[in-house]
C-alpha cells in the first residue's frame, strides 16, 4: 500500500488539476461579487460597459502568456502569495458585513496575483501580472471620487460645443453646462460628460500599450487616449445639439441619444487599437 505524508508535493495529473480546482473554488467564493460586477457592466452603456471587453482581453492575454510555458513543469509555490491572498479574503469577509460589493470586487482582483504566486510560482506570475492588474480598471468608481471630473468634462464639452455650433450655422447661448439654441436647450449632464468613454478609452489604451512592441507606439497610445476621448464626446454633444435645434427636445427621448453614446465607444476604442497596431515583421527568406 502506498502512503502519502503531510507535505508531500502534488505531482503528475494532480499538480496540473490543482490550479483549476483552487481557481474554481476562488470564483465560487466570489460568486455574488461576480454577479454584481456583471450587473454593473451590463446596466448601461454609460456605466462601466467596457468591463466585459477588458475582462475578455485580459483572459486572452493571460492564456497567451501561460501558453509559452506549456510542457514546462510548474514551479514550486511562492508563499509570498499569501501576503496578498490573506488581506484580500479579509476585505471580502469585511464586505459581507457592510455589503458595499465594491470592496469585495477590489479584493477579488487584489487576490489574483497572490493566487497565481501560490499555484503557478514566481515566473509565470511575473508574466501575467500586468494583465491581472489591469482588471482594477474594470471596477466601478464611486461618484464621490469622480464628481469633480464629471463636472470638468461637462464644462469642457459645453464650452467647446458653444464655440463649434455657430461655425456650422446654429446660434447658441451657453451658461454653466447648458446649451440654448433657438429651437431647444440641451443640458450636458453627467451621462453626457464623456467620463465613461474616457474611462474605457484609457483602459483600452493601457492594454494596447502593453501589447505594442515599439516604445513610440506605446507612448503615442497613452498620450492620445485622453484627448481622443474628450474630442469624441464633444462631437457627440455637438451632434445632439444640432438634432435638438432641428427636431426639438423630443429627439433626446429617441434611440438617437443612446446610439450617440454607443458611437463614442465605436469610434474611440477602434482608433486606440489602430494607433497601437504594428504589422508583424516580415521574415527574410533564407
C-alpha atoms as a PDB file:
ATOM      1  CA  UNK A   1       0.000   0.000   0.000  1.00  0.00           C
ATOM      2  CA  UNK A   2       1.329   3.447  -0.936  1.00  0.00           C
ATOM      3  CA  UNK A   3       1.042   6.129   1.684  1.00  0.00           C
ATOM      4  CA  UNK A   4       1.493   9.876   1.469  1.00  0.00           C
ATOM      5  CA  UNK A   5       2.858  12.021   4.207  1.00  0.00           C
ATOM      6  CA  UNK A   6       1.882  15.552   5.044  1.00  0.00           C
ATOM      7  CA  UNK A   7       3.929  17.961   2.975  1.00  0.00           C
ATOM      8  CA  UNK A   8       4.424  15.579   0.052  1.00  0.00           C
ATOM      9  CA  UNK A   9       4.144  17.730  -3.109  1.00  0.00           C
ATOM     10  CA  UNK A  10       1.319  17.015  -5.511  1.00  0.00           C
ATOM     11  CA  UNK A  11       2.699  15.510  -8.702  1.00  0.00           C
ATOM     12  CA  UNK A  12       1.553  14.462 -12.127  1.00  0.00           C
ATOM     13  CA  UNK A  13      -2.083  14.939 -13.031  1.00  0.00           C
ATOM     14  CA  UNK A  14      -2.955  16.158  -9.549  1.00  0.00           C
ATOM     15  CA  UNK A  15      -0.474  19.012  -9.851  1.00  0.00           C
ATOM     16  CA  UNK A  16      -1.949  20.022 -13.184  1.00  0.00           C
ATOM     17  CA  UNK A  17      -5.516  19.924 -11.878  1.00  0.00           C
ATOM     18  CA  UNK A  18      -4.825  21.769  -8.636  1.00  0.00           C
ATOM     19  CA  UNK A  19      -4.773  25.309 -10.138  1.00  0.00           C
ATOM     20  CA  UNK A  20      -8.094  24.659 -11.874  1.00  0.00           C
ATOM     21  CA  UNK A  21      -9.731  23.294  -8.730  1.00  0.00           C
ATOM     22  CA  UNK A  22      -8.476  26.100  -6.499  1.00  0.00           C
ATOM     23  CA  UNK A  23      -9.366  28.669  -9.168  1.00  0.00           C
ATOM     24  CA  UNK A  24     -12.936  27.376  -9.343  1.00  0.00           C
ATOM     25  CA  UNK A  25     -13.144  27.462  -5.552  1.00  0.00           C
ATOM     26  CA  UNK A  26     -11.893  31.077  -5.588  1.00  0.00           C
ATOM     27  CA  UNK A  27     -14.523  32.056  -8.140  1.00  0.00           C
ATOM     28  CA  UNK A  28     -17.158  30.254  -6.082  1.00  0.00           C
ATOM     29  CA  UNK A  29     -16.260  32.306  -3.006  1.00  0.00           C
ATOM     30  CA  UNK A  30     -16.677  35.465  -5.053  1.00  0.00           C
ATOM     31  CA  UNK A  31     -19.796  34.267  -6.893  1.00  0.00           C
ATOM     32  CA  UNK A  32     -22.118  37.034  -5.576  1.00  0.00           C
ATOM     33  CA  UNK A  33     -19.438  39.640  -6.302  1.00  0.00           C
ATOM     34  CA  UNK A  34     -19.054  38.425  -9.876  1.00  0.00           C
ATOM     35  CA  UNK A  35     -22.835  38.580 -10.311  1.00  0.00           C
ATOM     36  CA  UNK A  36     -22.798  42.179  -9.026  1.00  0.00           C
ATOM     37  CA  UNK A  37     -19.993  43.118 -11.402  1.00  0.00           C
ATOM     38  CA  UNK A  38     -21.858  41.605 -14.325  1.00  0.00           C
ATOM     39  CA  UNK A  39     -24.941  43.624 -13.363  1.00  0.00           C
ATOM     40  CA  UNK A  40     -22.922  46.846 -13.230  1.00  0.00           C
ATOM     41  CA  UNK A  41     -21.164  46.117 -16.520  1.00  0.00           C
ATOM     42  CA  UNK A  42     -24.465  45.453 -18.321  1.00  0.00           C
ATOM     43  CA  UNK A  43     -26.538  48.117 -16.548  1.00  0.00           C
ATOM     44  CA  UNK A  44     -25.969  50.818 -19.143  1.00  0.00           C
ATOM     45  CA  UNK A  45     -23.589  51.893 -21.855  1.00  0.00           C
ATOM     46  CA  UNK A  46     -22.756  54.853 -19.594  1.00  0.00           C
ATOM     47  CA  UNK A  47     -21.597  52.756 -16.648  1.00  0.00           C
ATOM     48  CA  UNK A  48     -18.530  50.535 -16.944  1.00  0.00           C
ATOM     49  CA  UNK A  49     -19.681  48.744 -20.067  1.00  0.00           C
ATOM     50  CA  UNK A  50     -16.036  48.303 -21.015  1.00  0.00           C
ATOM     51  CA  UNK A  51     -15.613  45.847 -18.133  1.00  0.00           C
ATOM     52  CA  UNK A  52     -16.792  42.902 -20.213  1.00  0.00           C
ATOM     53  CA  UNK A  53     -14.433  43.702 -23.100  1.00  0.00           C
ATOM     54  CA  UNK A  54     -11.428  44.278 -20.859  1.00  0.00           C
ATOM     55  CA  UNK A  55     -12.017  41.113 -18.834  1.00  0.00           C
ATOM     56  CA  UNK A  56     -12.189  39.080 -22.041  1.00  0.00           C
ATOM     57  CA  UNK A  57      -8.994  40.680 -23.370  1.00  0.00           C
ATOM     58  CA  UNK A  58      -7.192  40.090 -20.065  1.00  0.00           C
ATOM     59  CA  UNK A  59      -8.278  36.434 -20.062  1.00  0.00           C
ATOM     60  CA  UNK A  60      -6.905  36.061 -23.596  1.00  0.00           C
ATOM     61  CA  UNK A  61      -3.606  37.753 -22.698  1.00  0.00           C
ATOM     62  CA  UNK A  62      -3.178  35.551 -19.617  1.00  0.00           C
ATOM     63  CA  UNK A  63      -3.899  32.464 -21.713  1.00  0.00           C
ATOM     64  CA  UNK A  64      -1.374  33.536 -24.340  1.00  0.00           C
ATOM     65  CA  UNK A  65       1.338  34.247 -21.763  1.00  0.00           C
ATOM     66  CA  UNK A  66       0.815  30.953 -19.942  1.00  0.00           C
ATOM     67  CA  UNK A  67       0.825  29.088 -23.259  1.00  0.00           C
ATOM     68  CA  UNK A  68       4.533  29.924 -23.539  1.00  0.00           C
ATOM     69  CA  UNK A  69       5.158  27.684 -20.523  1.00  0.00           C
ATOM     70  CA  UNK A  70       3.299  24.612 -21.777  1.00  0.00           C
ATOM     71  CA  UNK A  71       5.328  21.474 -21.365  1.00  0.00           C
ATOM     72  CA  UNK A  72       7.434  23.002 -18.619  1.00  0.00           C
ATOM     73  CA  UNK A  73       6.965  21.839 -15.025  1.00  0.00           C
ATOM     74  CA  UNK A  74       5.153  24.194 -12.693  1.00  0.00           C
ATOM     75  CA  UNK A  75       7.434  25.954 -10.231  1.00  0.00           C
ATOM     76  CA  UNK A  76       7.216  25.403  -6.520  1.00  0.00           C
ATOM     77  CA  UNK A  77       4.602  27.646  -4.868  1.00  0.00           C
ATOM     78  CA  UNK A  78       5.748  31.056  -3.697  1.00  0.00           C
ATOM     79  CA  UNK A  79       4.399  31.514  -0.143  1.00  0.00           C
ATOM     80  CA  UNK A  80       4.562  35.303  -0.545  1.00  0.00           C
ATOM     81  CA  UNK A  81       1.296  34.922  -2.426  1.00  0.00           C
ATOM     82  CA  UNK A  82      -0.446  34.667   0.927  1.00  0.00           C
ATOM     83  CA  UNK A  83       0.667  38.239   1.639  1.00  0.00           C
ATOM     84  CA  UNK A  84      -1.946  39.231  -0.966  1.00  0.00           C
ATOM     85  CA  UNK A  85      -4.448  36.417  -0.524  1.00  0.00           C
ATOM     86  CA  UNK A  86      -4.972  36.834   3.210  1.00  0.00           C
ATOM     87  CA  UNK A  87      -5.710  40.613   3.111  1.00  0.00           C
ATOM     88  CA  UNK A  88      -7.904  40.093   0.041  1.00  0.00           C
ATOM     89  CA  UNK A  89     -10.020  37.456   1.757  1.00  0.00           C
ATOM     90  CA  UNK A  90     -10.160  39.602   4.897  1.00  0.00           C
ATOM     91  CA  UNK A  91     -11.558  42.501   2.832  1.00  0.00           C
ATOM     92  CA  UNK A  92     -14.078  40.122   1.305  1.00  0.00           C
ATOM     93  CA  UNK A  93     -15.196  38.987   4.766  1.00  0.00           C
ATOM     94  CA  UNK A  94     -15.477  42.626   5.869  1.00  0.00           C
ATOM     95  CA  UNK A  95     -17.658  43.396   2.873  1.00  0.00           C
ATOM     96  CA  UNK A  96     -20.068  40.601   3.769  1.00  0.00           C
ATOM     97  CA  UNK A  97     -20.946  42.785   6.755  1.00  0.00           C
ATOM     98  CA  UNK A  98     -21.147  46.199   5.106  1.00  0.00           C
ATOM     99  CA  UNK A  99     -22.490  44.971   1.712  1.00  0.00           C
ATOM    100  CA  UNK A 100     -20.670  47.538  -0.422  1.00  0.00           C
ATOM    101  CA  UNK A 101     -19.828  44.907  -3.064  1.00  0.00           C
ATOM    102  CA  UNK A 102     -17.184  47.270  -4.411  1.00  0.00           C
ATOM    103  CA  UNK A 103     -14.814  46.416  -1.573  1.00  0.00           C
ATOM    104  CA  UNK A 104     -15.326  42.742  -2.337  1.00  0.00           C
ATOM    105  CA  UNK A 105     -14.696  43.369  -6.043  1.00  0.00           C
ATOM    106  CA  UNK A 106     -11.454  45.161  -5.153  1.00  0.00           C
ATOM    107  CA  UNK A 107     -10.386  42.213  -3.003  1.00  0.00           C
ATOM    108  CA  UNK A 108     -11.225  39.800  -5.836  1.00  0.00           C
ATOM    109  CA  UNK A 109      -8.705  41.471  -8.138  1.00  0.00           C
ATOM    110  CA  UNK A 110      -6.188  42.027  -5.332  1.00  0.00           C
ATOM    111  CA  UNK A 111      -6.097  38.318  -4.564  1.00  0.00           C
ATOM    112  CA  UNK A 112      -5.486  37.118  -8.123  1.00  0.00           C
ATOM    113  CA  UNK A 113      -1.695  37.776  -8.195  1.00  0.00           C
ATOM    114  CA  UNK A 114      -1.411  36.106  -4.794  1.00  0.00           C
ATOM    115  CA  UNK A 115      -3.360  33.101  -6.017  1.00  0.00           C
ATOM    116  CA  UNK A 116      -1.073  32.918  -9.048  1.00  0.00           C
ATOM    117  CA  UNK A 117       2.052  33.007  -6.880  1.00  0.00           C
ATOM    118  CA  UNK A 118       0.762  30.164  -4.733  1.00  0.00           C
ATOM    119  CA  UNK A 119      -0.387  27.990  -7.639  1.00  0.00           C
ATOM    120  CA  UNK A 120       1.894  28.888 -10.561  1.00  0.00           C
ATOM    121  CA  UNK A 121       5.065  30.217  -8.990  1.00  0.00           C
ATOM    122  CA  UNK A 122       7.012  33.409  -9.489  1.00  0.00           C
ATOM    123  CA  UNK A 123       7.991  33.229 -13.172  1.00  0.00           C
ATOM    124  CA  UNK A 124       4.508  32.634 -14.524  1.00  0.00           C
ATOM    125  CA  UNK A 125       3.029  35.222 -12.178  1.00  0.00           C
ATOM    126  CA  UNK A 126       5.532  37.806 -13.384  1.00  0.00           C
ATOM    127  CA  UNK A 127       4.444  37.099 -16.976  1.00  0.00           C
ATOM    128  CA  UNK A 128       0.738  37.663 -16.272  1.00  0.00           C
ATOM    129  CA  UNK A 129       0.974  40.281 -13.526  1.00  0.00           C
ATOM    130  CA  UNK A 130       0.299  43.357 -15.666  1.00  0.00           C
ATOM    131  CA  UNK A 131      -2.871  42.000 -17.328  1.00  0.00           C
ATOM    132  CA  UNK A 132      -4.169  40.955 -13.908  1.00  0.00           C
ATOM    133  CA  UNK A 133      -3.551  44.444 -12.507  1.00  0.00           C
ATOM    134  CA  UNK A 134      -5.443  45.997 -15.443  1.00  0.00           C
ATOM    135  CA  UNK A 135      -8.567  44.328 -14.038  1.00  0.00           C
ATOM    136  CA  UNK A 136      -8.620  47.083 -11.412  1.00  0.00           C
ATOM    137  CA  UNK A 137      -9.660  49.395 -14.266  1.00  0.00           C
ATOM    138  CA  UNK A 138     -12.850  47.380 -14.786  1.00  0.00           C
ATOM    139  CA  UNK A 139     -14.159  48.199 -11.307  1.00  0.00           C
ATOM    140  CA  UNK A 140     -16.888  50.834 -10.934  1.00  0.00           C
ATOM    141  CA  UNK A 141     -15.617  54.087  -9.455  1.00  0.00           C
ATOM    142  CA  UNK A 142     -17.902  55.677  -6.839  1.00  0.00           C
ATOM    143  CA  UNK A 143     -19.360  59.014  -7.941  1.00  0.00           C
ATOM    144  CA  UNK A 144     -17.892  60.677  -4.843  1.00  0.00           C
ATOM    145  CA  UNK A 145     -14.428  60.170  -6.370  1.00  0.00           C
ATOM    146  CA  UNK A 146     -15.336  61.260  -9.898  1.00  0.00           C
ATOM    147  CA  UNK A 147     -17.852  64.061  -9.370  1.00  0.00           C
ATOM    148  CA  UNK A 148     -15.289  66.811  -9.949  1.00  0.00           C
ATOM    149  CA  UNK A 149     -14.028  65.046 -13.098  1.00  0.00           C
ATOM    150  CA  UNK A 150     -17.598  64.756 -14.395  1.00  0.00           C
ATOM    151  CA  UNK A 151     -18.146  68.474 -13.845  1.00  0.00           C
ATOM    152  CA  UNK A 152     -14.877  69.425 -15.550  1.00  0.00           C
ATOM    153  CA  UNK A 153     -15.651  67.247 -18.583  1.00  0.00           C
ATOM    154  CA  UNK A 154     -19.174  68.678 -18.793  1.00  0.00           C
ATOM    155  CA  UNK A 155     -17.808  72.231 -18.842  1.00  0.00           C
ATOM    156  CA  UNK A 156     -15.213  71.342 -21.475  1.00  0.00           C
ATOM    157  CA  UNK A 157     -17.906  69.792 -23.681  1.00  0.00           C
ATOM    158  CA  UNK A 158     -20.190  72.799 -23.196  1.00  0.00           C
ATOM    159  CA  UNK A 159     -17.553  75.441 -23.962  1.00  0.00           C
ATOM    160  CA  UNK A 160     -16.207  73.554 -26.987  1.00  0.00           C
ATOM    161  CA  UNK A 161     -19.691  72.906 -28.391  1.00  0.00           C
ATOM    162  CA  UNK A 162     -20.694  76.549 -27.878  1.00  0.00           C
ATOM    163  CA  UNK A 163     -17.667  77.538 -29.961  1.00  0.00           C
ATOM    164  CA  UNK A 164     -18.309  74.993 -32.730  1.00  0.00           C
ATOM    165  CA  UNK A 165     -22.084  75.380 -33.209  1.00  0.00           C
ATOM    166  CA  UNK A 166     -22.048  78.998 -34.561  1.00  0.00           C
ATOM    167  CA  UNK A 167     -19.457  77.900 -37.119  1.00  0.00           C
ATOM    168  CA  UNK A 168     -21.968  75.421 -38.553  1.00  0.00           C
ATOM    169  CA  UNK A 169     -24.829  77.919 -38.619  1.00  0.00           C
ATOM    170  CA  UNK A 170     -26.516  77.359 -35.241  1.00  0.00           C
ATOM    171  CA  UNK A 171     -26.568  80.340 -32.873  1.00  0.00           C
ATOM    172  CA  UNK A 172     -26.166  79.217 -29.286  1.00  0.00           C
ATOM    173  CA  UNK A 173     -26.050  80.706 -25.839  1.00  0.00           C
ATOM    174  CA  UNK A 174     -24.257  78.767 -23.120  1.00  0.00           C
ATOM    175  CA  UNK A 175     -24.328  79.143 -19.384  1.00  0.00           C
ATOM    176  CA  UNK A 176     -22.786  76.683 -16.985  1.00  0.00           C
ATOM    177  CA  UNK A 177     -23.368  73.331 -18.670  1.00  0.00           C
ATOM    178  CA  UNK A 178     -26.481  74.398 -20.574  1.00  0.00           C
ATOM    179  CA  UNK A 179     -26.569  74.949 -24.339  1.00  0.00           C
ATOM    180  CA  UNK A 180     -29.524  77.018 -25.581  1.00  0.00           C
ATOM    181  CA  UNK A 181     -30.343  77.014 -29.287  1.00  0.00           C
ATOM    182  CA  UNK A 182     -33.290  78.810 -30.962  1.00  0.00           C
ATOM    183  CA  UNK A 183     -35.354  75.607 -31.009  1.00  0.00           C
ATOM    184  CA  UNK A 184     -34.399  73.991 -27.711  1.00  0.00           C
ATOM    185  CA  UNK A 185     -31.916  73.629 -24.878  1.00  0.00           C
ATOM    186  CA  UNK A 186     -29.519  70.822 -24.089  1.00  0.00           C
ATOM    187  CA  UNK A 187     -28.158  70.213 -20.613  1.00  0.00           C
ATOM    188  CA  UNK A 188     -24.781  68.498 -20.658  1.00  0.00           C
ATOM    189  CA  UNK A 189     -25.438  66.164 -17.737  1.00  0.00           C
ATOM    190  CA  UNK A 190     -23.197  63.516 -16.192  1.00  0.00           C
ATOM    191  CA  UNK A 191     -24.296  60.966 -18.795  1.00  0.00           C
ATOM    192  CA  UNK A 192     -23.039  63.354 -21.494  1.00  0.00           C
ATOM    193  CA  UNK A 193     -19.808  64.243 -19.709  1.00  0.00           C
ATOM    194  CA  UNK A 194     -17.915  61.518 -21.550  1.00  0.00           C
ATOM    195  CA  UNK A 195     -16.437  60.066 -18.372  1.00  0.00           C
ATOM    196  CA  UNK A 196     -17.457  56.510 -19.287  1.00  0.00           C
ATOM    197  CA  UNK A 197     -15.833  56.901 -22.708  1.00  0.00           C
ATOM    198  CA  UNK A 198     -12.739  58.369 -21.055  1.00  0.00           C
ATOM    199  CA  UNK A 199     -12.517  55.522 -18.530  1.00  0.00           C
ATOM    200  CA  UNK A 200     -12.940  52.894 -21.238  1.00  0.00           C
ATOM    201  CA  UNK A 201     -10.509  54.585 -23.636  1.00  0.00           C
ATOM    202  CA  UNK A 202      -7.771  54.920 -21.019  1.00  0.00           C
ATOM    203  CA  UNK A 203      -8.217  51.275 -20.003  1.00  0.00           C
ATOM    204  CA  UNK A 204      -8.029  50.069 -23.600  1.00  0.00           C
ATOM    205  CA  UNK A 205      -5.030  52.333 -24.178  1.00  0.00           C
ATOM    206  CA  UNK A 206      -3.186  50.765 -21.236  1.00  0.00           C
ATOM    207  CA  UNK A 207      -3.757  47.259 -22.612  1.00  0.00           C
ATOM    208  CA  UNK A 208      -2.906  48.342 -26.154  1.00  0.00           C
ATOM    209  CA  UNK A 209       0.329  49.954 -24.989  1.00  0.00           C
ATOM    210  CA  UNK A 210       1.182  46.749 -23.136  1.00  0.00           C
ATOM    211  CA  UNK A 211       0.742  44.714 -26.319  1.00  0.00           C
ATOM    212  CA  UNK A 212       2.538  47.190 -28.613  1.00  0.00           C
ATOM    213  CA  UNK A 213       6.144  46.326 -29.438  1.00  0.00           C
ATOM    214  CA  UNK A 214       7.763  49.709 -30.044  1.00  0.00           C
ATOM    215  CA  UNK A 215       8.128  52.354 -27.361  1.00  0.00           C
ATOM    216  CA  UNK A 216       6.889  55.148 -29.594  1.00  0.00           C
ATOM    217  CA  UNK A 217       3.654  53.260 -30.229  1.00  0.00           C
ATOM    218  CA  UNK A 218       3.187  52.736 -26.502  1.00  0.00           C
ATOM    219  CA  UNK A 219       3.770  56.435 -25.834  1.00  0.00           C
ATOM    220  CA  UNK A 220       1.503  57.515 -28.705  1.00  0.00           C
ATOM    221  CA  UNK A 221      -1.417  55.451 -27.462  1.00  0.00           C
ATOM    222  CA  UNK A 222      -1.087  56.608 -23.854  1.00  0.00           C
ATOM    223  CA  UNK A 223      -0.644  60.276 -24.780  1.00  0.00           C
ATOM    224  CA  UNK A 224      -3.611  60.414 -27.171  1.00  0.00           C
ATOM    225  CA  UNK A 225      -6.089  58.372 -25.104  1.00  0.00           C
ATOM    226  CA  UNK A 226      -7.467  61.248 -23.006  1.00  0.00           C
ATOM    227  CA  UNK A 227      -7.633  63.909 -25.770  1.00  0.00           C
ATOM    228  CA  UNK A 228      -9.252  61.393 -28.122  1.00  0.00           C
ATOM    229  CA  UNK A 229     -11.976  60.511 -25.620  1.00  0.00           C
ATOM    230  CA  UNK A 230     -12.665  64.190 -24.905  1.00  0.00           C
ATOM    231  CA  UNK A 231     -12.837  65.161 -28.603  1.00  0.00           C
ATOM    232  CA  UNK A 232     -15.132  62.263 -29.480  1.00  0.00           C
ATOM    233  CA  UNK A 233     -17.522  63.273 -26.707  1.00  0.00           C
ATOM    234  CA  UNK A 234     -17.507  66.909 -27.842  1.00  0.00           C
ATOM    235  CA  UNK A 235     -18.510  65.764 -31.325  1.00  0.00           C
ATOM    236  CA  UNK A 236     -21.335  63.775 -29.737  1.00  0.00           C
ATOM    237  CA  UNK A 237     -22.625  66.798 -27.811  1.00  0.00           C
ATOM    238  CA  UNK A 238     -22.458  68.929 -30.968  1.00  0.00           C
ATOM    239  CA  UNK A 239     -24.453  66.327 -32.917  1.00  0.00           C
ATOM    240  CA  UNK A 240     -27.089  66.158 -30.161  1.00  0.00           C
ATOM    241  CA  UNK A 241     -27.323  69.960 -30.069  1.00  0.00           C
ATOM    242  CA  UNK A 242     -27.852  70.016 -33.849  1.00  0.00           C
ATOM    243  CA  UNK A 243     -30.601  67.394 -33.538  1.00  0.00           C
ATOM    244  CA  UNK A 244     -32.278  69.348 -30.728  1.00  0.00           C
ATOM    245  CA  UNK A 245     -32.161  72.516 -32.850  1.00  0.00           C
ATOM    246  CA  UNK A 246     -33.632  70.728 -35.869  1.00  0.00           C
ATOM    247  CA  UNK A 247     -36.214  68.460 -34.239  1.00  0.00           C
ATOM    248  CA  UNK A 248     -36.739  69.763 -30.706  1.00  0.00           C
ATOM    249  CA  UNK A 249     -36.168  68.198 -27.304  1.00  0.00           C
ATOM    250  CA  UNK A 250     -38.210  65.107 -28.120  1.00  0.00           C
ATOM    251  CA  UNK A 251     -35.268  63.772 -30.112  1.00  0.00           C
ATOM    252  CA  UNK A 252     -33.481  63.104 -26.812  1.00  0.00           C
ATOM    253  CA  UNK A 253     -36.193  60.587 -25.954  1.00  0.00           C
ATOM    254  CA  UNK A 254     -35.476  58.554 -29.074  1.00  0.00           C
ATOM    255  CA  UNK A 255     -32.822  55.983 -29.811  1.00  0.00           C
ATOM    256  CA  UNK A 256     -30.597  58.763 -31.199  1.00  0.00           C
ATOM    257  CA  UNK A 257     -29.497  59.629 -27.670  1.00  0.00           C
ATOM    258  CA  UNK A 258     -28.407  56.090 -26.830  1.00  0.00           C
ATOM    259  CA  UNK A 259     -26.891  55.491 -30.254  1.00  0.00           C
ATOM    260  CA  UNK A 260     -24.785  58.628 -29.967  1.00  0.00           C
ATOM    261  CA  UNK A 261     -23.319  57.292 -26.738  1.00  0.00           C
ATOM    262  CA  UNK A 262     -22.538  53.934 -28.298  1.00  0.00           C
ATOM    263  CA  UNK A 263     -20.947  55.740 -31.226  1.00  0.00           C
ATOM    264  CA  UNK A 264     -18.373  57.353 -28.941  1.00  0.00           C
ATOM    265  CA  UNK A 265     -17.163  53.888 -27.935  1.00  0.00           C
ATOM    266  CA  UNK A 266     -17.399  52.627 -31.523  1.00  0.00           C
ATOM    267  CA  UNK A 267     -15.107  55.447 -32.670  1.00  0.00           C
ATOM    268  CA  UNK A 268     -12.671  55.885 -29.763  1.00  0.00           C
ATOM    269  CA  UNK A 269     -11.826  52.267 -28.969  1.00  0.00           C
ATOM    270  CA  UNK A 270     -11.029  51.103 -32.544  1.00  0.00           C
ATOM    271  CA  UNK A 271      -8.906  54.232 -33.017  1.00  0.00           C
ATOM    272  CA  UNK A 272      -6.858  53.302 -29.959  1.00  0.00           C
ATOM    273  CA  UNK A 273      -6.388  49.771 -31.284  1.00  0.00           C
ATOM    274  CA  UNK A 274      -5.385  51.200 -34.680  1.00  0.00           C
ATOM    275  CA  UNK A 275      -2.856  53.607 -33.150  1.00  0.00           C
ATOM    276  CA  UNK A 276      -1.209  50.770 -31.267  1.00  0.00           C
ATOM    277  CA  UNK A 277      -1.285  48.242 -34.083  1.00  0.00           C
ATOM    278  CA  UNK A 278       2.002  47.260 -35.654  1.00  0.00           C
ATOM    279  CA  UNK A 279       2.027  44.842 -38.593  1.00  0.00           C
ATOM    280  CA  UNK A 280       4.081  41.706 -37.978  1.00  0.00           C
ATOM    281  CA  UNK A 281       7.603  41.881 -39.217  1.00  0.00           C
ATOM    282  CA  UNK A 282       8.213  40.048 -42.465  1.00  0.00           C
ATOM    283  CA  UNK A 283      10.597  37.180 -42.231  1.00  0.00           C
ATOM    284  CA  UNK A 284      13.557  37.388 -44.562  1.00  0.00           C
ATOM    285  CA  UNK A 285      13.701  34.424 -46.922  1.00  0.00           C
ATOM    286  CA  UNK A 286      16.595  32.076 -46.302  1.00  0.00           C
END
